[in-house]
Amino acid sequence: MEITFRILLIVFSLALITVVLLQKGKSAGLAGAISGGAEHLFGKQKARGLDLFLQRLTIGVAVGFFVTALIVAYLVKPV
């Protein structure tokens, strides 16, 4: 049972890394403020559905990762 949760923890960690890397970075600084304003003014709605899906997927995978990490920490007894 402990091995199952450890494998599940590895799967969640790899999934979390993948989902975070798939997300689009937020622009920072003056250039990001200018281009971000232009995108907001003219509308950039094409990738909004994918961004929302990736945000929700990230939350779900992160919750699974933390719960699995707590279970593994509880199951592993110090020697």
PDB file of N, CA and C in Angstrom:
ATOM      1  N   MET A   1       0.829  -1.186   0.000  1.00  0.00           N
ATOM      2  CA  MET A   1       0.000   0.000   0.000  1.00  0.00           C
ATOM      3  C   MET A   1       0.879   1.257   0.000  1.00  0.00           C
ATOM      4  N   GLU A   2       1.962   1.216   0.736  1.00  0.00           N
ATOM      5  CA  GLU A   2       2.878   2.356   0.769  1.00  0.00           C
ATOM      6  C   GLU A   2       3.513   2.586  -0.602  1.00  0.00           C
ATOM      7  N   ILE A   3       3.858   1.504  -1.280  1.00  0.00           N
ATOM      8  CA  ILE A   3       4.465   1.614  -2.604  1.00  0.00           C
ATOM      9  C   ILE A   3       3.465   2.209  -3.594  1.00  0.00           C
ATOM     10  N   THR A   4       2.205   1.855  -3.470  1.00  0.00           N
ATOM     11  CA  THR A   4       1.171   2.391  -4.346  1.00  0.00           C
ATOM     12  C   THR A   4       1.069   3.904  -4.202  1.00  0.00           C
ATOM     13  N   PHE A   5       1.081   4.379  -2.947  1.00  0.00           N
ATOM     14  CA  PHE A   5       0.989   5.814  -2.728  1.00  0.00           C
ATOM     15  C   PHE A   5       2.253   6.546  -3.172  1.00  0.00           C
ATOM     16  N   ARG A   6       3.400   5.902  -3.053  1.00  0.00           N
ATOM     17  CA  ARG A   6       4.644   6.524  -3.525  1.00  0.00           C
ATOM     18  C   ARG A   6       4.633   6.650  -5.053  1.00  0.00           C
ATOM     19  N   ILE A   7       4.151   5.625  -5.729  1.00  0.00           N
ATOM     20  CA  ILE A   7       4.045   5.697  -7.194  1.00  0.00           C
ATOM     21  C   ILE A   7       3.037   6.768  -7.591  1.00  0.00           C
ATOM     22  N   LEU A   8       1.932   6.830  -6.867  1.00  0.00           N
ATOM     23  CA  LEU A   8       0.921   7.849  -7.123  1.00  0.00           C
ATOM     24  C   LEU A   8       1.489   9.251  -6.885  1.00  0.00           C
ATOM     25  N   LEU A   9       2.339   9.393  -5.878  1.00  0.00           N
ATOM     26  CA  LEU A   9       2.977  10.674  -5.601  1.00  0.00           C
ATOM     27  C   LEU A   9       3.909  11.084  -6.745  1.00  0.00           C
ATOM     28  N   ILE A  10       4.633  10.128  -7.290  1.00  0.00           N
ATOM     29  CA  ILE A  10       5.509  10.416  -8.432  1.00  0.00           C
ATOM     30  C   ILE A  10       4.685  10.829  -9.645  1.00  0.00           C
ATOM     31  N   VAL A  11       3.577  10.141  -9.876  1.00  0.00           N
ATOM     32  CA  VAL A  11       2.707  10.474 -11.011  1.00  0.00           C
ATOM     33  C   VAL A  11       2.140  11.892 -10.836  1.00  0.00           C
ATOM     34  N   PHE A  12       1.674  12.217  -9.620  1.00  0.00           N
ATOM     35  CA  PHE A  12       1.136  13.558  -9.372  1.00  0.00           C
ATOM     36  C   PHE A  12       2.215  14.626  -9.526  1.00  0.00           C
ATOM     37  N   SER A  13       3.428  14.332  -9.081  1.00  0.00           N
ATOM     38  CA  SER A  13       4.492  15.337  -9.197  1.00  0.00           C
ATOM     39  C   SER A  13       4.854  15.586 -10.658  1.00  0.00           C
ATOM     40  N   LEU A  14       4.944  14.537 -11.461  1.00  0.00           N
ATOM     41  CA  LEU A  14       5.231  14.715 -12.886  1.00  0.00           C
ATOM     42  C   LEU A  14       4.089  15.433 -13.599  1.00  0.00           C
ATOM     43  N   ALA A  15       2.853  15.110 -13.226  1.00  0.00           N
ATOM     44  CA  ALA A  15       1.697  15.779 -13.823  1.00  0.00           C
ATOM     45  C   ALA A  15       1.671  17.259 -13.442  1.00  0.00           C
ATOM     46  N   LEU A  16       2.028  17.568 -12.201  1.00  0.00           N
ATOM     47  CA  LEU A  16       2.041  18.962 -11.756  1.00  0.00           C
ATOM     48  C   LEU A  16       3.108  19.765 -12.502  1.00  0.00           C
ATOM     49  N   ILE A  17       4.273  19.177 -12.671  1.00  0.00           N
ATOM     50  CA  ILE A  17       5.338  19.844 -13.427  1.00  0.00           C
ATOM     51  C   ILE A  17       4.885  20.092 -14.868  1.00  0.00           C
ATOM     52  N   THR A  18       4.274  19.092 -15.483  1.00  0.00           N
ATOM     53  CA  THR A  18       3.829  19.213 -16.873  1.00  0.00           C
ATOM     54  C   THR A  18       2.749  20.279 -17.023  1.00  0.00           C
ATOM     55  N   VAL A  19       1.773  20.276 -16.137  1.00  0.00           N
ATOM     56  CA  VAL A  19       0.668  21.228 -16.255  1.00  0.00           C
ATOM     57  C   VAL A  19       1.160  22.658 -16.024  1.00  0.00           C
ATOM     58  N   VAL A  20       2.064  22.846 -15.083  1.00  0.00           N
ATOM     59  CA  VAL A  20       2.585  24.189 -14.833  1.00  0.00           C
ATOM     60  C   VAL A  20       3.403  24.679 -16.025  1.00  0.00           C
ATOM     61  N   LEU A  21       4.183  23.795 -16.624  1.00  0.00           N
ATOM     62  CA  LEU A  21       4.975  24.204 -17.781  1.00  0.00           C
ATOM     63  C   LEU A  21       4.123  24.483 -19.017  1.00  0.00           C
ATOM     64  N   LEU A  22       2.943  23.894 -19.105  1.00  0.00           N
ATOM     65  CA  LEU A  22       2.061  24.132 -20.242  1.00  0.00           C
ATOM     66  C   LEU A  22       1.355  25.483 -20.170  1.00  0.00           C
ATOM     67  N   GLN A  23       1.286  26.065 -18.976  1.00  0.00           N
ATOM     68  CA  GLN A  23       0.578  27.325 -18.832  1.00  0.00           C
ATOM     69  C   GLN A  23       1.366  28.470 -19.431  1.00  0.00           C
ATOM     70  N   LYS A  24       0.637  29.447 -19.895  1.00  0.00           N
ATOM     71  CA  LYS A  24       1.253  30.626 -20.476  1.00  0.00           C
ATOM     72  C   LYS A  24       1.743  31.526 -19.353  1.00  0.00           C
ATOM     73  N   GLY A  25       2.961  32.060 -19.494  1.00  0.00           N
ATOM     74  CA  GLY A  25       3.521  32.942 -18.488  1.00  0.00           C
ATOM     75  C   GLY A  25       2.834  34.293 -18.493  1.00  0.00           C
ATOM     76  N   LYS A  26       2.753  34.911 -17.335  1.00  0.00           N
ATOM     77  CA  LYS A  26       2.168  36.239 -17.224  1.00  0.00           C
ATOM     78  C   LYS A  26       3.246  37.269 -17.529  1.00  0.00           C
ATOM     79  N   SER A  27       2.906  38.255 -18.327  1.00  0.00           N
ATOM     80  CA  SER A  27       3.865  39.303 -18.677  1.00  0.00           C
ATOM     81  C   SER A  27       4.113  40.188 -17.467  1.00  0.00           C
ATOM     82  N   ALA A  28       5.370  40.588 -17.294  1.00  0.00           N
ATOM     83  CA  ALA A  28       5.723  41.441 -16.160  1.00  0.00           C
ATOM     84  C   ALA A  28       6.484  42.656 -16.675  1.00  0.00           C
ATOM     85  N   GLY A  29       6.486  43.677 -15.891  1.00  0.00           N
ATOM     86  CA  GLY A  29       7.234  44.864 -16.249  1.00  0.00           C
ATOM     87  C   GLY A  29       6.429  45.818 -17.116  1.00  0.00           C
ATOM     88  N   LEU A  30       7.112  46.836 -17.613  1.00  0.00           N
ATOM     89  CA  LEU A  30       6.451  47.872 -18.399  1.00  0.00           C
ATOM     90  C   LEU A  30       5.939  47.330 -19.733  1.00  0.00           C
ATOM     91  N   ALA A  31       6.730  46.501 -20.392  1.00  0.00           N
ATOM     92  CA  ALA A  31       6.305  45.939 -21.669  1.00  0.00           C
ATOM     93  C   ALA A  31       5.069  45.061 -21.490  1.00  0.00           C
ATOM     94  N   GLY A  32       5.020  44.310 -20.418  1.00  0.00           N
ATOM     95  CA  GLY A  32       3.855  43.473 -20.154  1.00  0.00           C
ATOM     96  C   GLY A  32       2.625  44.297 -19.843  1.00  0.00           C
ATOM     97  N   ALA A  33       2.824  45.425 -19.171  1.00  0.00           N
ATOM     98  CA  ALA A  33       1.684  46.288 -18.855  1.00  0.00           C
ATOM     99  C   ALA A  33       1.109  46.907 -20.125  1.00  0.00           C
ATOM    100  N   ILE A  34       1.983  47.296 -21.042  1.00  0.00           N
ATOM    101  CA  ILE A  34       1.521  47.912 -22.290  1.00  0.00           C
ATOM    102  C   ILE A  34       0.824  46.879 -23.171  1.00  0.00           C
ATOM    103  N   SER A  35       1.471  45.747 -23.388  1.00  0.00           N
ATOM    104  CA  SER A  35       0.858  44.736 -24.251  1.00  0.00           C
ATOM    105  C   SER A  35      -0.351  44.099 -23.584  1.00  0.00           C
ATOM    106  N   GLY A  36      -0.330  43.967 -22.286  1.00  0.00           N
ATOM    107  CA  GLY A  36      -1.481  43.413 -21.580  1.00  0.00           C
ATOM    108  C   GLY A  36      -2.695  44.309 -21.706  1.00  0.00           C
ATOM    109  N   GLY A  37      -2.449  45.639 -21.681  1.00  0.00           N
ATOM    110  CA  GLY A  37      -3.545  46.582 -21.870  1.00  0.00           C
ATOM    111  C   GLY A  37      -4.120  46.502 -23.264  1.00  0.00           C
ATOM    112  N   ALA A  38      -3.252  46.315 -24.251  1.00  0.00           N
ATOM    113  CA  ALA A  38      -3.717  46.207 -25.632  1.00  0.00           C
ATOM    114  C   ALA A  38      -4.543  44.937 -25.824  1.00  0.00           C
ATOM    115  N   GLU A  39      -4.085  43.850 -25.220  1.00  0.00           N
ATOM    116  CA  GLU A  39      -4.848  42.600 -25.345  1.00  0.00           C
ATOM    117  C   GLU A  39      -6.203  42.736 -24.667  1.00  0.00           C
ATOM    118  N   HIS A  40      -6.226  43.448 -23.556  1.00  0.00           N
ATOM    119  CA  HIS A  40      -7.491  43.633 -22.839  1.00  0.00           C
ATOM    120  C   HIS A  40      -8.431  44.536 -23.638  1.00  0.00           C
ATOM    121  N   LEU A  41      -7.865  45.565 -24.272  1.00  0.00           N
ATOM    122  CA  LEU A  41      -8.667  46.510 -25.033  1.00  0.00           C
ATOM    123  C   LEU A  41      -9.255  45.861 -26.280  1.00  0.00           C
ATOM    124  N   PHE A  42      -8.435  45.166 -27.043  1.00  0.00           N
ATOM    125  CA  PHE A  42      -8.888  44.584 -28.300  1.00  0.00           C
ATOM    126  C   PHE A  42      -9.458  43.177 -28.133  1.00  0.00           C
ATOM    127  N   GLY A  43      -9.286  42.605 -26.970  1.00  0.00           N
ATOM    128  CA  GLY A  43      -9.856  41.302 -26.697  1.00  0.00           C
ATOM    129  C   GLY A  43      -9.001  40.168 -27.211  1.00  0.00           C
ATOM    130  N   LYS A  44      -8.652  39.295 -26.318  1.00  0.00           N
ATOM    131  CA  LYS A  44      -7.903  38.090 -26.706  1.00  0.00           C
ATOM    132  C   LYS A  44      -8.605  36.917 -26.029  1.00  0.00           C
ATOM    133  N   GLN A  45      -9.607  36.413 -26.667  1.00  0.00           N
ATOM    134  CA  GLN A  45     -10.446  35.383 -26.075  1.00  0.00           C
ATOM    135  C   GLN A  45     -10.212  34.001 -26.670  1.00  0.00           C
ATOM    136  N   LYS A  46      -9.269  33.871 -27.597  1.00  0.00           N
ATOM    137  CA  LYS A  46      -9.088  32.586 -28.275  1.00  0.00           C
ATOM    138  C   LYS A  46      -8.620  31.498 -27.317  1.00  0.00           C
ATOM    139  N   ALA A  47      -7.617  31.811 -26.493  1.00  0.00           N
ATOM    140  CA  ALA A  47      -7.023  30.790 -25.643  1.00  0.00           C
ATOM    141  C   ALA A  47      -7.590  30.819 -24.240  1.00  0.00           C
ATOM    142  N   ARG A  48      -8.652  31.548 -23.992  1.00  0.00           N
ATOM    143  CA  ARG A  48      -9.209  31.661 -22.642  1.00  0.00           C
ATOM    144  C   ARG A  48      -9.728  30.324 -22.146  1.00  0.00           C
ATOM    145  N   GLY A  49     -10.345  29.552 -22.998  1.00  0.00           N
ATOM    146  CA  GLY A  49     -10.869  28.261 -22.566  1.00  0.00           C
ATOM    147  C   GLY A  49      -9.771  27.303 -22.150  1.00  0.00           C
ATOM    148  N   LEU A  50      -8.680  27.289 -22.905  1.00  0.00           N
ATOM    149  CA  LEU A  50      -7.548  26.436 -22.563  1.00  0.00           C
ATOM    150  C   LEU A  50      -6.880  26.901 -21.285  1.00  0.00           C
ATOM    151  N   ASP A  51      -6.743  28.227 -21.109  1.00  0.00           N
ATOM    152  CA  ASP A  51      -6.140  28.757 -19.892  1.00  0.00           C
ATOM    153  C   ASP A  51      -6.963  28.387 -18.663  1.00  0.00           C
ATOM    154  N   LEU A  52      -8.270  28.508 -18.787  1.00  0.00           N
ATOM    155  CA  LEU A  52      -9.145  28.162 -17.670  1.00  0.00           C
ATOM    156  C   LEU A  52      -9.062  26.675 -17.352  1.00  0.00           C
ATOM    157  N   PHE A  53      -9.035  25.849 -18.388  1.00  0.00           N
ATOM    158  CA  PHE A  53      -8.912  24.403 -18.173  1.00  0.00           C
ATOM    159  C   PHE A  53      -7.596  24.061 -17.479  1.00  0.00           C
ATOM    160  N   LEU A  54      -6.491  24.685 -17.926  1.00  0.00           N
ATOM    161  CA  LEU A  54      -5.197  24.408 -17.313  1.00  0.00           C
ATOM    162  C   LEU A  54      -5.134  24.899 -15.876  1.00  0.00           C
ATOM    163  N   GLN A  55      -5.784  26.012 -15.572  1.00  0.00           N
ATOM    164  CA  GLN A  55      -5.830  26.499 -14.186  1.00  0.00           C
ATOM    165  C   GLN A  55      -6.564  25.516 -13.293  1.00  0.00           C
ATOM    166  N   ARG A  56      -7.699  25.052 -13.756  1.00  0.00           N
ATOM    167  CA  ARG A  56      -8.479  24.100 -12.944  1.00  0.00           C
ATOM    168  C   ARG A  56      -7.767  22.765 -12.815  1.00  0.00           C
ATOM    169  N   LEU A  57      -7.112  22.334 -13.888  1.00  0.00           N
ATOM    170  CA  LEU A  57      -6.353  21.090 -13.839  1.00  0.00           C
ATOM    171  C   LEU A  57      -5.179  21.216 -12.871  1.00  0.00           C
ATOM    172  N   THR A  58      -4.539  22.376 -12.859  1.00  0.00           N
ATOM    173  CA  THR A  58      -3.429  22.604 -11.941  1.00  0.00           C
ATOM    174  C   THR A  58      -3.899  22.533 -10.492  1.00  0.00           C
ATOM    175  N   ILE A  59      -5.033  23.118 -10.202  1.00  0.00           N
ATOM    176  CA  ILE A  59      -5.574  23.074  -8.841  1.00  0.00           C
ATOM    177  C   ILE A  59      -5.878  21.639  -8.444  1.00  0.00           C
ATOM    178  N   GLY A  60      -6.503  20.886  -9.331  1.00  0.00           N
ATOM    179  CA  GLY A  60      -6.836  19.496  -9.026  1.00  0.00           C
ATOM    180  C   GLY A  60      -5.606  18.628  -8.807  1.00  0.00           C
ATOM    181  N   VAL A  61      -4.608  18.798  -9.675  1.00  0.00           N
ATOM    182  CA  VAL A  61      -3.379  18.002  -9.547  1.00  0.00           C
ATOM    183  C   VAL A  61      -2.617  18.403  -8.285  1.00  0.00           C
ATOM    184  N   ALA A  62      -2.607  19.705  -7.963  1.00  0.00           N
ATOM    185  CA  ALA A  62      -1.911  20.165  -6.758  1.00  0.00           C
ATOM    186  C   ALA A  62      -2.570  19.620  -5.500  1.00  0.00           C
ATOM    187  N   VAL A  63      -3.883  19.607  -5.466  1.00  0.00           N
ATOM    188  CA  VAL A  63      -4.589  19.043  -4.303  1.00  0.00           C
ATOM    189  C   VAL A  63      -4.283  17.557  -4.183  1.00  0.00           C
ATOM    190  N   GLY A  64      -4.312  16.842  -5.295  1.00  0.00           N
ATOM    191  CA  GLY A  64      -3.969  15.418  -5.263  1.00  0.00           C
ATOM    192  C   GLY A  64      -2.544  15.179  -4.800  1.00  0.00           C
ATOM    193  N   PHE A  65      -1.617  16.038  -5.247  1.00  0.00           N
ATOM    194  CA  PHE A  65      -0.216  15.922  -4.837  1.00  0.00           C
ATOM    195  C   PHE A  65      -0.066  16.120  -3.329  1.00  0.00           C
ATOM    196  N   PHE A  66      -0.682  17.165  -2.793  1.00  0.00           N
ATOM    197  CA  PHE A  66      -0.540  17.437  -1.366  1.00  0.00           C
ATOM    198  C   PHE A  66      -1.203  16.372  -0.506  1.00  0.00           C
ATOM    199  N   VAL A  67      -2.358  15.893  -0.914  1.00  0.00           N
ATOM    200  CA  VAL A  67      -3.034  14.838  -0.147  1.00  0.00           C
ATOM    201  C   VAL A  67      -2.204  13.554  -0.175  1.00  0.00           C
ATOM    202  N   THR A  68      -1.697  13.208  -1.339  1.00  0.00           N
ATOM    203  CA  THR A  68      -0.866  12.008  -1.455  1.00  0.00           C
ATOM    204  C   THR A  68       0.428  12.157  -0.662  1.00  0.00           C
ATOM    205  N   ALA A  69       1.015  13.355  -0.664  1.00  0.00           N
ATOM    206  CA  ALA A  69       2.232  13.585   0.115  1.00  0.00           C
ATOM    207  C   ALA A  69       1.966  13.433   1.605  1.00  0.00           C
ATOM    208  N   LEU A  70       0.823  13.910   2.070  1.00  0.00           N
ATOM    209  CA  LEU A  70       0.473  13.750   3.487  1.00  0.00           C
ATOM    210  C   LEU A  70       0.242  12.289   3.842  1.00  0.00           C
ATOM    211  N   ILE A  71      -0.391  11.546   2.952  1.00  0.00           N
ATOM    212  CA  ILE A  71      -0.629  10.119   3.199  1.00  0.00           C
ATOM    213  C   ILE A  71       0.692   9.368   3.240  1.00  0.00           C
ATOM    214  N   VAL A  72       1.596   9.654   2.316  1.00  0.00           N
ATOM    215  CA  VAL A  72       2.904   8.985   2.306  1.00  0.00           C
ATOM    216  C   VAL A  72       3.683   9.336   3.566  1.00  0.00           C
ATOM    217  N   ALA A  73       3.627  10.590   3.979  1.00  0.00           N
ATOM    218  CA  ALA A  73       4.326  11.005   5.201  1.00  0.00           C
ATOM    219  C   ALA A  73       3.759  10.300   6.428  1.00  0.00           C
ATOM    220  N   TYR A  74       2.454  10.056   6.441  1.00  0.00           N
ATOM    221  CA  TYR A  74       1.835   9.367   7.564  1.00  0.00           C
ATOM    222  C   TYR A  74       2.188   7.882   7.554  1.00  0.00           C
ATOM    223  N   LEU A  75       2.252   7.281   6.377  1.00  0.00           N
ATOM    224  CA  LEU A  75       2.505   5.850   6.286  1.00  0.00           C
ATOM    225  C   LEU A  75       3.963   5.478   6.584  1.00  0.00           C
ATOM    226  N   VAL A  76       4.884   6.363   6.264  1.00  0.00           N
ATOM    227  CA  VAL A  76       6.290   6.079   6.471  1.00  0.00           C
ATOM    228  C   VAL A  76       6.620   6.282   7.950  1.00  0.00           C
ATOM    229  N   LYS A  77       7.016   5.219   8.586  1.00  0.00           N
ATOM    230  CA  LYS A  77       7.354   5.283  10.018  1.00  0.00           C
ATOM    231  C   LYS A  77       8.845   5.469  10.164  1.00  0.00           C
ATOM    232  N   PRO A  78       9.284   6.401  11.003  1.00  0.00           N
ATOM    233  CA  PRO A  78      10.741   6.560  11.206  1.00  0.00           C
ATOM    234  C   PRO A  78      11.331   5.341  11.915  1.00  0.00           C
ATOM    235  N   VAL A  79      12.504   4.974  11.496  1.00  0.00           N
ATOM    236  CA  VAL A  79      13.152   3.791  12.061  1.00  0.00           C
ATOM    237  C   VAL A  79      14.028   4.169  13.215  1.00  0.00           C
TER     238      VAL A  79
END
